[in-house]
Amino acid sequence: MASITRALDADWLGASRRATESIRAILADAPGTDERAAEMGTRGEGGDRTLVIDAQAEDAVFAQLEQLHEQGARFRALSEERGAVDFGGEDVLVLIDPIDGSLNAKRGLPPHSVSIAVADGATMASVAFGYVYDFGTGEEWTARRGEGAWLDGARLSTEPRERRLPDGRLEVLGIEAADPRLVREAAERLEGTSYRLRALGSMALSLCQLAAARFDGMVSLKGCRAVDAAAAQLIVREGGGLIAYPGFEDALGAPLDLVPHSPIVGARTQRGLAELRRVPRTS
């Protein structure tokens, strides 16, 4: 248990902030869409084609992990591009998406982020630290298990703050994996639950909007990977929201690996969560 405590007590926030500054510089050095669209010619462990900026951003995060390891922290890391990397410990897992919303970043669209989570177990329920930085707005989202969630250092309210129309539909619903085929298939269920849809193109940032009650709910229309959601789902939960993985009997039972096991849904109330669980198909 002592080794777990030491790893969880490492300066994850400082490391995340330093990595963020490095990634900001990387993006600033490649402002054009042609530069950002350059590919490495390989696929990452998550299955997507690796952009040069993805690889550079991942290097920036791993440089900070190396420093923590040199300072005595022992852990494993799981990243969208490199996959699993051993830093001398099995009890603590760091989950990294160096650029969540890579397609947006490539096209110069604002919603894209870095997502870093730290867990002391094997499922979403075990995430203890979450960090998301929005490169479009400059907002920093953080959470610690059992302590709360913060936006730019201000603690998020845990009040439900759900907005509905007189007919009972949620006012604004965020959706991810907005493939037109998936949207068409889910259209009737979406119509019954929501008045307006917003598709940001970044799983982490959509969840963060829910954490601040800017969205009344959030749904991914297909399975999502742990690296995309691990940090932000903790921010939602510590901000008073609710999260479920409909593909699992245990709402937070999704494994911390690179397989997209289940869609993720989130809401501000139990009523909202029950309604939104029915939107994505799980089989």
C-alpha atoms as a PDB file:
ATOM      1  CA  MET A   1       0.000   0.000   0.000  1.00  0.00           C
ATOM      2  CA  ALA A   2       2.907   2.361   0.681  1.00  0.00           C
ATOM      3  CA  SER A   3       4.038   2.250  -2.944  1.00  0.00           C
ATOM      4  CA  ILE A   4       0.511   3.067  -4.108  1.00  0.00           C
ATOM      5  CA  THR A   5       0.341   6.025  -1.745  1.00  0.00           C
ATOM      6  CA  ARG A   6       3.671   7.400  -2.928  1.00  0.00           C
ATOM      7  CA  ALA A   7       2.669   7.150  -6.588  1.00  0.00           C
ATOM      8  CA  LEU A   8      -0.726   8.743  -5.991  1.00  0.00           C
ATOM      9  CA  ASP A   9       0.950  11.521  -4.018  1.00  0.00           C
ATOM     10  CA  ALA A  10       3.352  12.398  -6.838  1.00  0.00           C
ATOM     11  CA  ASP A  11       2.988  15.869  -8.354  1.00  0.00           C
ATOM     12  CA  TRP A  12       0.529  14.856 -11.057  1.00  0.00           C
ATOM     13  CA  LEU A  13      -0.932  18.345 -11.341  1.00  0.00           C
ATOM     14  CA  GLY A  14       2.469  19.957 -11.789  1.00  0.00           C
ATOM     15  CA  ALA A  15       3.516  17.332 -14.326  1.00  0.00           C
ATOM     16  CA  SER A  16       0.243  17.779 -16.231  1.00  0.00           C
ATOM     17  CA  ARG A  17       0.679  21.545 -16.349  1.00  0.00           C
ATOM     18  CA  ARG A  18       4.254  21.294 -17.561  1.00  0.00           C
ATOM     19  CA  ALA A  19       3.228  18.833 -20.268  1.00  0.00           C
ATOM     20  CA  THR A  20       0.430  21.188 -21.287  1.00  0.00           C
ATOM     21  CA  GLU A  21       2.827  24.090 -21.740  1.00  0.00           C
ATOM     22  CA  SER A  22       5.016  21.927 -23.969  1.00  0.00           C
ATOM     23  CA  ILE A  23       2.024  20.850 -26.070  1.00  0.00           C
ATOM     24  CA  ARG A  24       0.874  24.467 -26.404  1.00  0.00           C
ATOM     25  CA  ALA A  25       4.285  25.284 -27.869  1.00  0.00           C
ATOM     26  CA  ILE A  26       4.092  22.311 -30.240  1.00  0.00           C
ATOM     27  CA  LEU A  27       0.708  23.453 -31.529  1.00  0.00           C
ATOM     28  CA  ALA A  28       1.888  27.056 -31.827  1.00  0.00           C
ATOM     29  CA  ASP A  29       4.813  25.895 -33.967  1.00  0.00           C
ATOM     30  CA  ALA A  30       2.389  24.174 -36.349  1.00  0.00           C
ATOM     31  CA  PRO A  31      -0.465  26.681 -36.762  1.00  0.00           C
ATOM     32  CA  GLY A  32      -1.506  25.701 -40.300  1.00  0.00           C
ATOM     33  CA  THR A  33      -3.772  22.832 -41.257  1.00  0.00           C
ATOM     34  CA  ASP A  34      -1.191  21.428 -43.689  1.00  0.00           C
ATOM     35  CA  GLU A  35       1.400  21.222 -40.899  1.00  0.00           C
ATOM     36  CA  ARG A  36      -1.028  19.713 -38.439  1.00  0.00           C
ATOM     37  CA  ALA A  37      -2.267  17.132 -40.933  1.00  0.00           C
ATOM     38  CA  ALA A  38       1.198  15.599 -41.362  1.00  0.00           C
ATOM     39  CA  GLU A  39       1.127  11.903 -40.466  1.00  0.00           C
ATOM     40  CA  MET A  40       3.808   9.627 -39.044  1.00  0.00           C
ATOM     41  CA  GLY A  41       2.809   6.816 -41.414  1.00  0.00           C
ATOM     42  CA  THR A  42       1.863   4.531 -38.526  1.00  0.00           C
ATOM     43  CA  ARG A  43      -1.150   3.736 -36.370  1.00  0.00           C
ATOM     44  CA  GLY A  44      -1.135   4.198 -32.627  1.00  0.00           C
ATOM     45  CA  GLU A  45      -2.073   1.465 -30.173  1.00  0.00           C
ATOM     46  CA  GLY A  46      -5.575   2.955 -30.084  1.00  0.00           C
ATOM     47  CA  GLY A  47      -5.967   2.190 -33.796  1.00  0.00           C
ATOM     48  CA  ASP A  48      -5.994   5.709 -35.269  1.00  0.00           C
ATOM     49  CA  ARG A  49      -3.464   7.093 -37.723  1.00  0.00           C
ATOM     50  CA  THR A  50      -0.787   8.934 -35.759  1.00  0.00           C
ATOM     51  CA  LEU A  51      -0.290  12.601 -36.584  1.00  0.00           C
ATOM     52  CA  VAL A  52       3.122  14.178 -36.065  1.00  0.00           C
ATOM     53  CA  ILE A  53       1.572  16.549 -33.514  1.00  0.00           C
ATOM     54  CA  ASP A  54       0.072  13.540 -31.687  1.00  0.00           C
ATOM     55  CA  ALA A  55       3.485  11.920 -31.388  1.00  0.00           C
ATOM     56  CA  GLN A  56       5.144  15.159 -30.313  1.00  0.00           C
ATOM     57  CA  ALA A  57       2.440  15.838 -27.720  1.00  0.00           C
ATOM     58  CA  GLU A  58       2.789  12.321 -26.356  1.00  0.00           C
ATOM     59  CA  ASP A  59       6.549  12.793 -26.088  1.00  0.00           C
ATOM     60  CA  ALA A  60       5.908  15.940 -24.037  1.00  0.00           C
ATOM     61  CA  VAL A  61       3.733  14.023 -21.566  1.00  0.00           C
ATOM     62  CA  PHE A  62       6.171  11.124 -21.301  1.00  0.00           C
ATOM     63  CA  ALA A  63       9.028  13.522 -20.603  1.00  0.00           C
ATOM     64  CA  GLN A  64       7.143  14.552 -17.463  1.00  0.00           C
ATOM     65  CA  LEU A  65       6.425  10.932 -16.539  1.00  0.00           C
ATOM     66  CA  GLU A  66      10.133  10.178 -16.812  1.00  0.00           C
ATOM     67  CA  GLN A  67      10.849  12.997 -14.358  1.00  0.00           C
ATOM     68  CA  LEU A  68       8.316  11.648 -11.842  1.00  0.00           C
ATOM     69  CA  HIS A  69       9.835   8.195 -12.217  1.00  0.00           C
ATOM     70  CA  GLU A  70      13.307   9.600 -11.566  1.00  0.00           C
ATOM     71  CA  GLN A  71      11.901  11.229  -8.408  1.00  0.00           C
ATOM     72  CA  GLY A  72      10.769   7.838  -7.128  1.00  0.00           C
ATOM     73  CA  ALA A  73       7.203   7.362  -8.394  1.00  0.00           C
ATOM     74  CA  ARG A  74       6.461   3.848  -9.673  1.00  0.00           C
ATOM     75  CA  PHE A  75       3.549   3.266 -12.037  1.00  0.00           C
ATOM     76  CA  ARG A  76       2.403   2.073 -15.445  1.00  0.00           C
ATOM     77  CA  ALA A  77       1.294   4.336 -18.281  1.00  0.00           C
ATOM     78  CA  LEU A  78      -1.262   3.721 -21.010  1.00  0.00           C
ATOM     79  CA  SER A  79      -1.343   6.098 -23.949  1.00  0.00           C
ATOM     80  CA  GLU A  80      -3.327   6.267 -27.164  1.00  0.00           C
ATOM     81  CA  GLU A  81      -0.182   6.146 -29.309  1.00  0.00           C
ATOM     82  CA  ARG A  82       2.427   4.082 -27.400  1.00  0.00           C
ATOM     83  CA  GLY A  83       0.097   1.744 -25.574  1.00  0.00           C
ATOM     84  CA  ALA A  84       1.339   0.319 -22.253  1.00  0.00           C
ATOM     85  CA  VAL A  85       4.660   1.530 -20.832  1.00  0.00           C
ATOM     86  CA  ASP A  86       6.223   0.240 -17.595  1.00  0.00           C
ATOM     87  CA  PHE A  87       7.590   2.761 -15.106  1.00  0.00           C
ATOM     88  CA  GLY A  88       8.366   0.173 -12.447  1.00  0.00           C
ATOM     89  CA  GLY A  89       5.010  -0.297 -10.742  1.00  0.00           C
ATOM     90  CA  GLU A  90       1.812  -2.279 -11.261  1.00  0.00           C
ATOM     91  CA  ASP A  91      -0.497  -0.663  -8.695  1.00  0.00           C
ATOM     92  CA  VAL A  92      -0.936   2.788 -10.231  1.00  0.00           C
ATOM     93  CA  LEU A  93      -1.936   3.446 -13.842  1.00  0.00           C
ATOM     94  CA  VAL A  94      -1.604   6.734 -15.731  1.00  0.00           C
ATOM     95  CA  LEU A  95      -3.933   7.125 -18.728  1.00  0.00           C
ATOM     96  CA  ILE A  96      -2.984   9.651 -21.386  1.00  0.00           C
ATOM     97  CA  ASP A  97      -4.629  11.098 -24.451  1.00  0.00           C
ATOM     98  CA  PRO A  98      -2.081  13.696 -25.588  1.00  0.00           C
ATOM     99  CA  ILE A  99      -4.532  15.343 -27.987  1.00  0.00           C
ATOM    100  CA  ASP A 100      -8.169  14.402 -27.508  1.00  0.00           C
ATOM    101  CA  GLY A 101      -9.934  15.773 -30.552  1.00  0.00           C
ATOM    102  CA  SER A 102      -7.062  15.176 -32.989  1.00  0.00           C
ATOM    103  CA  LEU A 103      -9.312  15.736 -35.999  1.00  0.00           C
ATOM    104  CA  ASN A 104     -10.244  19.168 -34.653  1.00  0.00           C
ATOM    105  CA  ALA A 105      -6.615  19.986 -33.941  1.00  0.00           C
ATOM    106  CA  LYS A 106      -5.636  18.883 -37.449  1.00  0.00           C
ATOM    107  CA  ARG A 107      -8.298  21.099 -39.028  1.00  0.00           C
ATOM    108  CA  GLY A 108      -7.623  24.105 -36.787  1.00  0.00           C
ATOM    109  CA  LEU A 109     -10.927  23.774 -34.924  1.00  0.00           C
ATOM    110  CA  PRO A 110     -10.793  24.963 -31.305  1.00  0.00           C
ATOM    111  CA  PRO A 111     -12.140  21.995 -29.274  1.00  0.00           C
ATOM    112  CA  HIS A 112      -9.105  19.795 -28.535  1.00  0.00           C
ATOM    113  CA  SER A 113      -7.452  18.944 -25.261  1.00  0.00           C
ATOM    114  CA  VAL A 114      -4.897  16.948 -23.334  1.00  0.00           C
ATOM    115  CA  SER A 115      -6.322  14.371 -20.920  1.00  0.00           C
ATOM    116  CA  ILE A 116      -4.355  12.750 -18.077  1.00  0.00           C
ATOM    117  CA  ALA A 117      -5.792  10.437 -15.412  1.00  0.00           C
ATOM    118  CA  VAL A 118      -4.255   8.469 -12.559  1.00  0.00           C
ATOM    119  CA  ALA A 119      -5.925   5.342 -11.148  1.00  0.00           C
ATOM    120  CA  ASP A 120      -5.190   2.807  -8.405  1.00  0.00           C
ATOM    121  CA  GLY A 121      -7.343   0.026  -9.826  1.00  0.00           C
ATOM    122  CA  ALA A 122      -8.573  -1.560 -13.023  1.00  0.00           C
ATOM    123  CA  THR A 123     -11.870   0.228 -13.742  1.00  0.00           C
ATOM    124  CA  MET A 124     -13.252   3.755 -14.136  1.00  0.00           C
ATOM    125  CA  ALA A 125     -14.312   3.740 -10.488  1.00  0.00           C
ATOM    126  CA  SER A 126     -10.646   3.653  -9.449  1.00  0.00           C
ATOM    127  CA  VAL A 127      -9.570   6.914 -11.105  1.00  0.00           C
ATOM    128  CA  ALA A 128      -8.125   9.162  -8.385  1.00  0.00           C
ATOM    129  CA  PHE A 129      -6.869  12.187 -10.349  1.00  0.00           C
ATOM    130  CA  GLY A 130      -8.109  13.805 -13.532  1.00  0.00           C
ATOM    131  CA  TYR A 131      -6.707  16.637 -15.621  1.00  0.00           C
ATOM    132  CA  VAL A 132      -8.065  18.100 -18.865  1.00  0.00           C
ATOM    133  CA  TYR A 133      -6.783  21.236 -20.557  1.00  0.00           C
ATOM    134  CA  ASP A 134      -8.797  22.851 -23.354  1.00  0.00           C
ATOM    135  CA  PHE A 135      -6.398  24.305 -25.946  1.00  0.00           C
ATOM    136  CA  GLY A 136      -9.246  26.253 -27.545  1.00  0.00           C
ATOM    137  CA  THR A 137     -10.510  28.167 -24.505  1.00  0.00           C
ATOM    138  CA  GLY A 138      -7.464  27.868 -22.244  1.00  0.00           C
ATOM    139  CA  GLU A 139      -9.616  26.330 -19.493  1.00  0.00           C
ATOM    140  CA  GLU A 140      -8.065  23.898 -17.026  1.00  0.00           C
ATOM    141  CA  TRP A 141     -10.252  21.197 -15.488  1.00  0.00           C
ATOM    142  CA  THR A 142      -9.037  19.102 -12.552  1.00  0.00           C
ATOM    143  CA  ALA A 143     -10.447  16.639 -10.023  1.00  0.00           C
ATOM    144  CA  ARG A 144      -9.290  14.507  -7.119  1.00  0.00           C
ATOM    145  CA  ARG A 145     -11.327  11.552  -5.920  1.00  0.00           C
ATOM    146  CA  GLY A 146     -13.355  12.462  -2.850  1.00  0.00           C
ATOM    147  CA  GLU A 147     -12.115  16.068  -2.840  1.00  0.00           C
ATOM    148  CA  GLY A 148     -13.988  17.797  -5.666  1.00  0.00           C
ATOM    149  CA  ALA A 149     -13.505  19.210  -9.143  1.00  0.00           C
ATOM    150  CA  TRP A 150     -12.207  22.586 -10.262  1.00  0.00           C
ATOM    151  CA  LEU A 151     -12.343  24.818 -13.320  1.00  0.00           C
ATOM    152  CA  ASP A 152      -9.410  27.225 -13.440  1.00  0.00           C
ATOM    153  CA  GLY A 153      -8.983  26.818  -9.694  1.00  0.00           C
ATOM    154  CA  ALA A 154     -12.629  27.535  -8.797  1.00  0.00           C
ATOM    155  CA  ARG A 155     -14.469  24.587  -7.297  1.00  0.00           C
ATOM    156  CA  LEU A 156     -17.373  23.315  -9.373  1.00  0.00           C
ATOM    157  CA  SER A 157     -20.801  23.336  -7.793  1.00  0.00           C
ATOM    158  CA  THR A 158     -22.280  19.907  -7.161  1.00  0.00           C
ATOM    159  CA  GLU A 159     -25.877  21.116  -7.494  1.00  0.00           C
ATOM    160  CA  PRO A 160     -27.863  19.173 -10.132  1.00  0.00           C
ATOM    161  CA  ARG A 161     -28.669  22.293 -12.245  1.00  0.00           C
ATOM    162  CA  GLU A 162     -30.453  20.324 -14.954  1.00  0.00           C
ATOM    163  CA  ARG A 163     -32.449  22.360 -17.480  1.00  0.00           C
ATOM    164  CA  ARG A 164     -35.496  20.900 -19.206  1.00  0.00           C
ATOM    165  CA  LEU A 165     -38.133  22.219 -21.563  1.00  0.00           C
ATOM    166  CA  PRO A 166     -41.802  22.165 -20.488  1.00  0.00           C
ATOM    167  CA  ASP A 167     -42.206  18.909 -22.450  1.00  0.00           C
ATOM    168  CA  GLY A 168     -39.500  17.301 -20.305  1.00  0.00           C
ATOM    169  CA  ARG A 169     -36.675  17.155 -22.827  1.00  0.00           C
ATOM    170  CA  LEU A 170     -33.161  18.135 -21.768  1.00  0.00           C
ATOM    171  CA  GLU A 171     -32.264  21.548 -23.161  1.00  0.00           C
ATOM    172  CA  VAL A 172     -28.739  20.806 -24.431  1.00  0.00           C
ATOM    173  CA  LEU A 173     -27.213  17.374 -24.974  1.00  0.00           C
ATOM    174  CA  GLY A 174     -23.598  16.784 -26.000  1.00  0.00           C
ATOM    175  CA  ILE A 175     -22.947  13.894 -28.360  1.00  0.00           C
ATOM    176  CA  GLU A 176     -19.687  12.240 -29.375  1.00  0.00           C
ATOM    177  CA  ALA A 177     -18.865   9.728 -32.097  1.00  0.00           C
ATOM    178  CA  ALA A 178     -21.242  11.753 -34.260  1.00  0.00           C
ATOM    179  CA  ASP A 179     -20.993   9.522 -37.332  1.00  0.00           C
ATOM    180  CA  PRO A 180     -24.088  10.368 -39.445  1.00  0.00           C
ATOM    181  CA  ARG A 181     -25.011   6.694 -39.551  1.00  0.00           C
ATOM    182  CA  LEU A 182     -24.985   6.460 -35.761  1.00  0.00           C
ATOM    183  CA  VAL A 183     -26.909   9.725 -35.419  1.00  0.00           C
ATOM    184  CA  ARG A 184     -29.540   8.480 -37.869  1.00  0.00           C
ATOM    185  CA  GLU A 185     -29.885   5.197 -35.999  1.00  0.00           C
ATOM    186  CA  ALA A 186     -30.287   7.004 -32.669  1.00  0.00           C
ATOM    187  CA  ALA A 187     -32.377   9.908 -33.999  1.00  0.00           C
ATOM    188  CA  GLU A 188     -35.720   8.840 -32.541  1.00  0.00           C
ATOM    189  CA  ARG A 189     -34.246   8.247 -29.092  1.00  0.00           C
ATOM    190  CA  LEU A 190     -32.328  11.531 -29.249  1.00  0.00           C
ATOM    191  CA  GLU A 191     -35.492  13.385 -30.265  1.00  0.00           C
ATOM    192  CA  GLY A 192     -37.302  12.027 -27.237  1.00  0.00           C
ATOM    193  CA  THR A 193     -34.632  13.112 -24.765  1.00  0.00           C
ATOM    194  CA  SER A 194     -33.163  16.391 -26.008  1.00  0.00           C
ATOM    195  CA  TYR A 195     -34.047  19.753 -27.532  1.00  0.00           C
ATOM    196  CA  ARG A 196     -30.638  20.657 -28.991  1.00  0.00           C
ATOM    197  CA  LEU A 197     -27.488  18.637 -29.765  1.00  0.00           C
ATOM    198  CA  ARG A 198     -23.891  19.827 -29.588  1.00  0.00           C
ATOM    199  CA  ALA A 199     -21.026  17.758 -31.035  1.00  0.00           C
ATOM    200  CA  LEU A 200     -17.645  19.144 -29.947  1.00  0.00           C
ATOM    201  CA  GLY A 201     -15.472  16.353 -31.317  1.00  0.00           C
ATOM    202  CA  SER A 202     -13.577  15.847 -28.040  1.00  0.00           C
ATOM    203  CA  MET A 203     -14.859  13.261 -25.577  1.00  0.00           C
ATOM    204  CA  ALA A 204     -13.004  14.823 -22.681  1.00  0.00           C
ATOM    205  CA  LEU A 205     -14.290  18.332 -23.372  1.00  0.00           C
ATOM    206  CA  SER A 206     -17.891  17.205 -23.845  1.00  0.00           C
ATOM    207  CA  LEU A 207     -17.730  15.558 -20.429  1.00  0.00           C
ATOM    208  CA  CYS A 208     -16.198  18.677 -18.915  1.00  0.00           C
ATOM    209  CA  GLN A 209     -19.084  20.787 -20.244  1.00  0.00           C
ATOM    210  CA  LEU A 210     -21.391  18.420 -18.391  1.00  0.00           C
ATOM    211  CA  ALA A 211     -19.290  18.792 -15.236  1.00  0.00           C
ATOM    212  CA  ALA A 212     -19.956  22.542 -15.311  1.00  0.00           C
ATOM    213  CA  ALA A 213     -23.646  22.007 -16.207  1.00  0.00           C
ATOM    214  CA  ARG A 214     -23.151  23.724 -19.558  1.00  0.00           C
ATOM    215  CA  PHE A 215     -24.533  20.503 -21.026  1.00  0.00           C
ATOM    216  CA  ASP A 216     -27.508  18.830 -19.379  1.00  0.00           C
ATOM    217  CA  GLY A 217     -26.319  15.442 -20.529  1.00  0.00           C
ATOM    218  CA  MET A 218     -23.710  13.744 -22.698  1.00  0.00           C
ATOM    219  CA  VAL A 219     -23.823  10.587 -24.821  1.00  0.00           C
ATOM    220  CA  SER A 220     -21.275   8.787 -26.958  1.00  0.00           C
ATOM    221  CA  LEU A 221     -22.968   6.865 -29.744  1.00  0.00           C
ATOM    222  CA  LYS A 222     -20.368   4.093 -29.805  1.00  0.00           C
ATOM    223  CA  GLY A 223     -17.807   2.581 -27.464  1.00  0.00           C
ATOM    224  CA  CYS A 224     -15.184   4.952 -26.108  1.00  0.00           C
ATOM    225  CA  ARG A 225     -11.638   4.220 -25.009  1.00  0.00           C
ATOM    226  CA  ALA A 226     -10.541   4.707 -21.434  1.00  0.00           C
ATOM    227  CA  VAL A 227      -7.826   7.200 -22.378  1.00  0.00           C
ATOM    228  CA  ASP A 228     -10.483   9.502 -23.875  1.00  0.00           C
ATOM    229  CA  ALA A 229     -12.772   9.586 -20.853  1.00  0.00           C
ATOM    230  CA  ALA A 230     -10.949   8.524 -17.686  1.00  0.00           C
ATOM    231  CA  ALA A 231      -9.945  11.991 -16.494  1.00  0.00           C
ATOM    232  CA  ALA A 232     -13.117  13.807 -17.506  1.00  0.00           C
ATOM    233  CA  GLN A 233     -15.525  11.239 -16.078  1.00  0.00           C
ATOM    234  CA  LEU A 234     -13.927  11.812 -12.657  1.00  0.00           C
ATOM    235  CA  ILE A 235     -14.329  15.569 -13.152  1.00  0.00           C
ATOM    236  CA  VAL A 236     -18.021  14.987 -13.881  1.00  0.00           C
ATOM    237  CA  ARG A 237     -18.521  12.794 -10.824  1.00  0.00           C
ATOM    238  CA  GLU A 238     -16.631  15.105  -8.482  1.00  0.00           C
ATOM    239  CA  GLY A 239     -18.627  17.993  -9.958  1.00  0.00           C
ATOM    240  CA  GLY A 240     -21.901  16.393  -8.882  1.00  0.00           C
ATOM    241  CA  GLY A 241     -22.748  14.639 -12.133  1.00  0.00           C
ATOM    242  CA  LEU A 242     -23.381  10.981 -12.870  1.00  0.00           C
ATOM    243  CA  ILE A 243     -21.651   8.622 -15.285  1.00  0.00           C
ATOM    244  CA  ALA A 244     -22.601   5.211 -16.647  1.00  0.00           C
ATOM    245  CA  TYR A 245     -21.213   2.695 -19.107  1.00  0.00           C
ATOM    246  CA  PRO A 246     -24.377   0.963 -20.395  1.00  0.00           C
ATOM    247  CA  GLY A 247     -22.395  -2.051 -21.584  1.00  0.00           C
ATOM    248  CA  PHE A 248     -21.615  -2.987 -17.973  1.00  0.00           C
ATOM    249  CA  GLU A 249     -23.879  -3.927 -15.095  1.00  0.00           C
ATOM    250  CA  ASP A 250     -21.650  -1.858 -12.831  1.00  0.00           C
ATOM    251  CA  ALA A 251     -22.064   1.730 -14.064  1.00  0.00           C
ATOM    252  CA  LEU A 252     -18.343   2.443 -13.594  1.00  0.00           C
ATOM    253  CA  GLY A 253     -17.093  -1.036 -14.444  1.00  0.00           C
ATOM    254  CA  ALA A 254     -15.467  -0.232 -17.792  1.00  0.00           C
ATOM    255  CA  PRO A 255     -11.846  -1.490 -17.819  1.00  0.00           C
ATOM    256  CA  LEU A 256      -8.891   0.870 -18.082  1.00  0.00           C
ATOM    257  CA  ASP A 257      -7.464  -0.362 -21.381  1.00  0.00           C
ATOM    258  CA  LEU A 258      -7.477   0.663 -25.041  1.00  0.00           C
ATOM    259  CA  VAL A 259     -10.517  -1.368 -26.109  1.00  0.00           C
ATOM    260  CA  PRO A 260     -13.719   0.649 -26.717  1.00  0.00           C
ATOM    261  CA  HIS A 261     -15.902  -1.632 -24.609  1.00  0.00           C
ATOM    262  CA  SER A 262     -19.008   0.517 -24.180  1.00  0.00           C
ATOM    263  CA  PRO A 263     -20.491   3.920 -24.894  1.00  0.00           C
ATOM    264  CA  ILE A 264     -20.392   6.412 -22.030  1.00  0.00           C
ATOM    265  CA  VAL A 265     -23.333   8.513 -20.903  1.00  0.00           C
ATOM    266  CA  GLY A 266     -23.475  11.271 -18.324  1.00  0.00           C
ATOM    267  CA  ALA A 267     -26.148  13.419 -16.717  1.00  0.00           C
ATOM    268  CA  ARG A 268     -26.769  15.794 -13.847  1.00  0.00           C
ATOM    269  CA  THR A 269     -29.582  13.725 -12.295  1.00  0.00           C
ATOM    270  CA  GLN A 270     -30.604  10.091 -11.935  1.00  0.00           C
ATOM    271  CA  ARG A 271     -33.636  10.789 -14.122  1.00  0.00           C
ATOM    272  CA  GLY A 272     -31.436  12.161 -16.884  1.00  0.00           C
ATOM    273  CA  LEU A 273     -29.016   9.263 -16.624  1.00  0.00           C
ATOM    274  CA  ALA A 274     -31.815   6.686 -16.869  1.00  0.00           C
ATOM    275  CA  GLU A 275     -33.163   8.379 -19.998  1.00  0.00           C
ATOM    276  CA  LEU A 276     -29.789   8.725 -21.698  1.00  0.00           C
ATOM    277  CA  ARG A 277     -28.690   5.151 -21.000  1.00  0.00           C
ATOM    278  CA  ARG A 278     -31.261   4.093 -23.606  1.00  0.00           C
ATOM    279  CA  VAL A 279     -29.811   6.266 -26.401  1.00  0.00           C
ATOM    280  CA  PRO A 280     -26.643   4.399 -27.495  1.00  0.00           C
ATOM    281  CA  ARG A 281     -26.713   0.809 -28.674  1.00  0.00           C
ATOM    282  CA  THR A 282     -24.455  -1.473 -26.637  1.00  0.00           C
ATOM    283  CA  SER A 283     -24.488  -4.507 -28.930  1.00  0.00           C
END
